[in-house]
Amino acid sequence: MNIRYAAAKDIPAIAMVEAECFPPAEAATEKEFVERVHYYGNHFWLMFDEEKLVAFVDGFVTDEQDLTDEMYENAAMHNENGAWQMIFGVNTLPDYRKRGYAGKLICRAIEDAKQQGRKGLVLTCKENLILYYAKFGFKDEGVTNKSTHGNVVWHQMRLSFHFGYSQ
């Protein structure tokens, strides 16, 4: 398994994996991924089994402290010098789940955010995933009123680094 950042050629595979992992109301479209990869392809962590994309994590960087629905829809809000790495999606094809691949990608995103001097990472998840993300150091901040993406109740979780922000 190898991990790399996203390029335009990866968009159809990214959209296919997303469609396998999320219901239609929550899944980003191929058109949305065109915008996302254009603005922040270096904040997509893709995992391949030889040539097959099997998992990815993505999200942009911002100075906003909380994840909002507008962020999913407007990739141009990405600020490469922002304080917070947002995580919009953690995706693994069903046949590749329960092997630690998503965890490896999350760890890579955390390591990159540390190396880039970010304050930390923010994501939203459904209640049944709170304990999973807690294993990586994310703290549950409760149900967010800033995201109802896909008409779902989301918990916001944050992993804060305890060193000075240097951007």
C-alpha atoms as a PDB file:
ATOM      1  CA  MET A   1       0.000   0.000   0.000  1.00  0.00           C
ATOM      2  CA  ASN A   2       1.325   3.384  -0.906  1.00  0.00           C
ATOM      3  CA  ILE A   3       0.067   6.838   0.115  1.00  0.00           C
ATOM      4  CA  ARG A   4       0.258   9.967  -2.009  1.00  0.00           C
ATOM      5  CA  TYR A   5      -1.535  13.264  -2.582  1.00  0.00           C
ATOM      6  CA  ALA A   6      -4.281  13.736  -5.188  1.00  0.00           C
ATOM      7  CA  ALA A   7      -3.924  14.867  -8.791  1.00  0.00           C
ATOM      8  CA  ALA A   8      -6.593  15.575 -11.404  1.00  0.00           C
ATOM      9  CA  LYS A   9      -6.192  12.068 -12.851  1.00  0.00           C
ATOM     10  CA  ASP A  10      -7.407  10.618  -9.521  1.00  0.00           C
ATOM     11  CA  ILE A  11     -10.791  12.389  -9.499  1.00  0.00           C
ATOM     12  CA  PRO A  12     -12.917   9.602 -11.080  1.00  0.00           C
ATOM     13  CA  ALA A  13     -11.502   7.045  -8.626  1.00  0.00           C
ATOM     14  CA  ILE A  14     -11.989   9.427  -5.670  1.00  0.00           C
ATOM     15  CA  ALA A  15     -15.628  10.000  -6.652  1.00  0.00           C
ATOM     16  CA  MET A  16     -16.196   6.257  -7.029  1.00  0.00           C
ATOM     17  CA  VAL A  17     -14.779   5.485  -3.572  1.00  0.00           C
ATOM     18  CA  GLU A  18     -16.835   8.318  -2.029  1.00  0.00           C
ATOM     19  CA  ALA A  19     -20.022   6.955  -3.624  1.00  0.00           C
ATOM     20  CA  GLU A  20     -19.268   3.513  -2.141  1.00  0.00           C
ATOM     21  CA  CYS A  21     -18.705   4.949   1.340  1.00  0.00           C
ATOM     22  CA  PHE A  22     -21.450   7.531   1.850  1.00  0.00           C
ATOM     23  CA  PRO A  23     -25.175   7.723   1.099  1.00  0.00           C
ATOM     24  CA  PRO A  24     -26.042  10.052  -1.823  1.00  0.00           C
ATOM     25  CA  ALA A  25     -27.178  12.880   0.491  1.00  0.00           C
ATOM     26  CA  GLU A  26     -23.741  12.924   2.167  1.00  0.00           C
ATOM     27  CA  ALA A  27     -21.412  11.997  -0.704  1.00  0.00           C
ATOM     28  CA  ALA A  28     -19.506  14.636  -2.649  1.00  0.00           C
ATOM     29  CA  THR A  29     -19.921  14.498  -6.414  1.00  0.00           C
ATOM     30  CA  GLU A  30     -17.235  14.146  -9.049  1.00  0.00           C
ATOM     31  CA  LYS A  31     -17.790  17.821  -9.939  1.00  0.00           C
ATOM     32  CA  GLU A  32     -17.158  18.806  -6.304  1.00  0.00           C
ATOM     33  CA  PHE A  33     -13.975  16.721  -6.276  1.00  0.00           C
ATOM     34  CA  VAL A  34     -12.736  18.567  -9.375  1.00  0.00           C
ATOM     35  CA  GLU A  35     -12.905  21.784  -7.345  1.00  0.00           C
ATOM     36  CA  ARG A  36     -11.483  20.229  -4.202  1.00  0.00           C
ATOM     37  CA  VAL A  37      -8.478  18.680  -5.931  1.00  0.00           C
ATOM     38  CA  HIS A  38      -7.863  21.947  -7.797  1.00  0.00           C
ATOM     39  CA  TYR A  39      -7.756  23.979  -4.570  1.00  0.00           C
ATOM     40  CA  TYR A  40      -6.258  21.492  -2.136  1.00  0.00           C
ATOM     41  CA  GLY A  41      -5.034  18.316  -3.816  1.00  0.00           C
ATOM     42  CA  ASN A  42      -2.117  18.332  -1.380  1.00  0.00           C
ATOM     43  CA  HIS A  43      -4.621  17.824   1.457  1.00  0.00           C
ATOM     44  CA  PHE A  44      -5.959  14.559   0.034  1.00  0.00           C
ATOM     45  CA  TRP A  45      -4.218  11.471   1.353  1.00  0.00           C
ATOM     46  CA  LEU A  46      -4.831   8.617  -1.082  1.00  0.00           C
ATOM     47  CA  MET A  47      -4.028   4.961  -0.387  1.00  0.00           C
ATOM     48  CA  PHE A  48      -3.535   2.556  -3.273  1.00  0.00           C
ATOM     49  CA  ASP A  49      -3.403  -1.217  -3.502  1.00  0.00           C
ATOM     50  CA  GLU A  50      -1.104  -1.280  -6.527  1.00  0.00           C
ATOM     51  CA  GLU A  51      -3.091   0.898  -8.996  1.00  0.00           C
ATOM     52  CA  LYS A  52      -6.462   0.713  -7.205  1.00  0.00           C
ATOM     53  CA  LEU A  53      -7.557   3.539  -4.918  1.00  0.00           C
ATOM     54  CA  VAL A  54      -8.870   1.802  -1.799  1.00  0.00           C
ATOM     55  CA  ALA A  55      -9.047   4.610   0.795  1.00  0.00           C
ATOM     56  CA  PHE A  56      -8.628   8.342   1.195  1.00  0.00           C
ATOM     57  CA  VAL A  57      -8.891  11.184   3.678  1.00  0.00           C
ATOM     58  CA  ASP A  58      -9.427  14.780   2.566  1.00  0.00           C
ATOM     59  CA  GLY A  59     -10.131  18.251   3.862  1.00  0.00           C
ATOM     60  CA  PHE A  60      -8.925  21.796   3.452  1.00  0.00           C
ATOM     61  CA  VAL A  61      -7.096  24.215   5.708  1.00  0.00           C
ATOM     62  CA  THR A  62      -8.718  27.298   7.224  1.00  0.00           C
ATOM     63  CA  ASP A  63      -8.456  29.804  10.048  1.00  0.00           C
ATOM     64  CA  GLU A  64     -12.074  29.021  10.959  1.00  0.00           C
ATOM     65  CA  GLN A  65     -12.201  26.965  14.159  1.00  0.00           C
ATOM     66  CA  ASP A  66     -15.374  25.040  13.370  1.00  0.00           C
ATOM     67  CA  LEU A  67     -16.374  22.887  10.426  1.00  0.00           C
ATOM     68  CA  THR A  68     -19.411  24.283   8.573  1.00  0.00           C
ATOM     69  CA  ASP A  69     -21.601  23.025   5.743  1.00  0.00           C
ATOM     70  CA  GLU A  70     -20.354  25.837   3.503  1.00  0.00           C
ATOM     71  CA  MET A  71     -16.865  24.329   3.614  1.00  0.00           C
ATOM     72  CA  TYR A  72     -18.071  21.171   1.868  1.00  0.00           C
ATOM     73  CA  GLU A  73     -19.589  23.248  -0.908  1.00  0.00           C
ATOM     74  CA  ASN A  74     -16.917  25.917  -1.429  1.00  0.00           C
ATOM     75  CA  ALA A  75     -13.398  24.581  -1.996  1.00  0.00           C
ATOM     76  CA  ALA A  76     -12.193  28.131  -2.654  1.00  0.00           C
ATOM     77  CA  MET A  77     -12.408  28.752   1.107  1.00  0.00           C
ATOM     78  CA  HIS A  78      -9.154  26.772   1.418  1.00  0.00           C
ATOM     79  CA  ASN A  79      -6.343  28.862   2.926  1.00  0.00           C
ATOM     80  CA  GLU A  80      -3.000  27.081   2.638  1.00  0.00           C
ATOM     81  CA  ASN A  81      -1.686  29.178   5.551  1.00  0.00           C
ATOM     82  CA  GLY A  82      -4.687  28.464   7.784  1.00  0.00           C
ATOM     83  CA  ALA A  83      -4.489  27.284  11.368  1.00  0.00           C
ATOM     84  CA  TRP A  84      -6.791  24.257  11.214  1.00  0.00           C
ATOM     85  CA  GLN A  85      -6.752  21.174   9.011  1.00  0.00           C
ATOM     86  CA  MET A  86     -10.361  20.172   8.416  1.00  0.00           C
ATOM     87  CA  ILE A  87     -11.207  16.553   7.620  1.00  0.00           C
ATOM     88  CA  PHE A  88     -14.236  16.266   5.339  1.00  0.00           C
ATOM     89  CA  GLY A  89     -14.131  12.567   4.623  1.00  0.00           C
ATOM     90  CA  VAL A  90     -12.531   9.331   5.761  1.00  0.00           C
ATOM     91  CA  ASN A  91     -13.274   6.738   3.080  1.00  0.00           C
ATOM     92  CA  THR A  92     -12.348   3.073   2.724  1.00  0.00           C
ATOM     93  CA  LEU A  93     -13.856   0.679   0.198  1.00  0.00           C
ATOM     94  CA  PRO A  94     -15.965  -1.967   1.999  1.00  0.00           C
ATOM     95  CA  ASP A  95     -13.702  -4.867   0.948  1.00  0.00           C
ATOM     96  CA  TYR A  96     -10.676  -3.095   2.490  1.00  0.00           C
ATOM     97  CA  ARG A  97     -12.179  -2.112   5.858  1.00  0.00           C
ATOM     98  CA  LYS A  98     -11.021  -3.397   9.256  1.00  0.00           C
ATOM     99  CA  ARG A  99      -7.371  -3.526   8.129  1.00  0.00           C
ATOM    100  CA  GLY A 100      -6.162  -0.231   9.610  1.00  0.00           C
ATOM    101  CA  TYR A 101      -5.937   1.659   6.306  1.00  0.00           C
ATOM    102  CA  ALA A 102      -8.121   4.591   7.388  1.00  0.00           C
ATOM    103  CA  GLY A 103      -6.086   4.832  10.584  1.00  0.00           C
ATOM    104  CA  LYS A 104      -2.837   5.030   8.621  1.00  0.00           C
ATOM    105  CA  LEU A 105      -4.279   7.856   6.513  1.00  0.00           C
ATOM    106  CA  ILE A 106      -5.550   9.723   9.580  1.00  0.00           C
ATOM    107  CA  CYS A 107      -2.106   9.410  11.182  1.00  0.00           C
ATOM    108  CA  ARG A 108      -0.501  10.751   8.006  1.00  0.00           C
ATOM    109  CA  ALA A 109      -2.897  13.726   7.961  1.00  0.00           C
ATOM    110  CA  ILE A 110      -2.098  14.396  11.632  1.00  0.00           C
ATOM    111  CA  GLU A 111       1.644  14.184  10.984  1.00  0.00           C
ATOM    112  CA  ASP A 112       1.432  16.506   7.976  1.00  0.00           C
ATOM    113  CA  ALA A 113      -0.610  19.033   9.975  1.00  0.00           C
ATOM    114  CA  LYS A 114       2.000  18.945  12.767  1.00  0.00           C
ATOM    115  CA  GLN A 115       4.852  19.434  10.310  1.00  0.00           C
ATOM    116  CA  GLN A 116       2.998  22.335   8.714  1.00  0.00           C
ATOM    117  CA  GLY A 117       2.626  24.075  12.094  1.00  0.00           C
ATOM    118  CA  ARG A 118      -1.180  23.882  12.282  1.00  0.00           C
ATOM    119  CA  LYS A 119      -3.088  24.281  15.544  1.00  0.00           C
ATOM    120  CA  GLY A 120      -4.682  20.890  14.943  1.00  0.00           C
ATOM    121  CA  LEU A 121      -7.401  19.065  13.028  1.00  0.00           C
ATOM    122  CA  VAL A 122     -11.199  19.215  13.118  1.00  0.00           C
ATOM    123  CA  LEU A 123     -13.739  16.710  11.817  1.00  0.00           C
ATOM    124  CA  THR A 124     -17.365  15.849  12.238  1.00  0.00           C
ATOM    125  CA  CYS A 125     -18.679  12.323  12.684  1.00  0.00           C
ATOM    126  CA  LYS A 126     -21.746  10.370  13.610  1.00  0.00           C
ATOM    127  CA  GLU A 127     -22.085   9.327  17.246  1.00  0.00           C
ATOM    128  CA  ASN A 128     -21.082   5.712  16.581  1.00  0.00           C
ATOM    129  CA  LEU A 129     -17.604   6.849  15.409  1.00  0.00           C
ATOM    130  CA  ILE A 130     -16.677   9.063  18.377  1.00  0.00           C
ATOM    131  CA  LEU A 131     -14.644   6.331  20.092  1.00  0.00           C
ATOM    132  CA  TYR A 132     -12.853   5.483  16.837  1.00  0.00           C
ATOM    133  CA  TYR A 133     -11.582   9.055  16.366  1.00  0.00           C
ATOM    134  CA  ALA A 134     -10.821   9.385  20.089  1.00  0.00           C
ATOM    135  CA  LYS A 135      -8.138   6.692  19.599  1.00  0.00           C
ATOM    136  CA  PHE A 136      -6.193   9.240  17.516  1.00  0.00           C
ATOM    137  CA  GLY A 137      -6.508  11.980  20.131  1.00  0.00           C
ATOM    138  CA  PHE A 138      -9.650  13.748  18.861  1.00  0.00           C
ATOM    139  CA  LYS A 139     -11.913  15.144  21.606  1.00  0.00           C
ATOM    140  CA  ASP A 140     -15.689  15.223  21.197  1.00  0.00           C
ATOM    141  CA  GLU A 141     -17.052  18.769  21.378  1.00  0.00           C
ATOM    142  CA  GLY A 142     -20.657  17.570  21.191  1.00  0.00           C
ATOM    143  CA  VAL A 143     -23.329  17.934  18.542  1.00  0.00           C
ATOM    144  CA  THR A 144     -22.522  20.804  16.204  1.00  0.00           C
ATOM    145  CA  ASN A 145     -25.119  23.298  15.053  1.00  0.00           C
ATOM    146  CA  LYS A 146     -22.810  24.437  12.235  1.00  0.00           C
ATOM    147  CA  SER A 147     -23.196  21.306  10.128  1.00  0.00           C
ATOM    148  CA  THR A 148     -26.295  19.369   9.211  1.00  0.00           C
ATOM    149  CA  HIS A 149     -24.704  17.997   6.032  1.00  0.00           C
ATOM    150  CA  GLY A 150     -26.956  15.329   4.510  1.00  0.00           C
ATOM    151  CA  ASN A 151     -29.596  16.081   7.196  1.00  0.00           C
ATOM    152  CA  VAL A 152     -27.551  14.136   9.750  1.00  0.00           C
ATOM    153  CA  VAL A 153     -26.657  14.884  13.388  1.00  0.00           C
ATOM    154  CA  TRP A 154     -22.877  15.397  13.540  1.00  0.00           C
ATOM    155  CA  HIS A 155     -20.497  15.576  16.483  1.00  0.00           C
ATOM    156  CA  GLN A 156     -17.553  17.926  16.040  1.00  0.00           C
ATOM    157  CA  MET A 157     -14.230  16.501  17.151  1.00  0.00           C
ATOM    158  CA  ARG A 158     -10.929  18.327  17.530  1.00  0.00           C
ATOM    159  CA  LEU A 159      -7.321  17.276  17.918  1.00  0.00           C
ATOM    160  CA  SER A 160      -5.329  20.236  19.219  1.00  0.00           C
ATOM    161  CA  PHE A 161      -1.564  20.359  19.161  1.00  0.00           C
ATOM    162  CA  HIS A 162       0.101  21.796  22.240  1.00  0.00           C
ATOM    163  CA  PHE A 163       2.768  23.893  20.600  1.00  0.00           C
ATOM    164  CA  GLY A 164       2.754  27.393  19.167  1.00  0.00           C
ATOM    165  CA  TYR A 165       1.079  28.028  15.848  1.00  0.00           C
ATOM    166  CA  SER A 166       3.788  29.164  13.461  1.00  0.00           C
ATOM    167  CA  GLN A 167       2.049  30.189  10.212  1.00  0.00           C
END
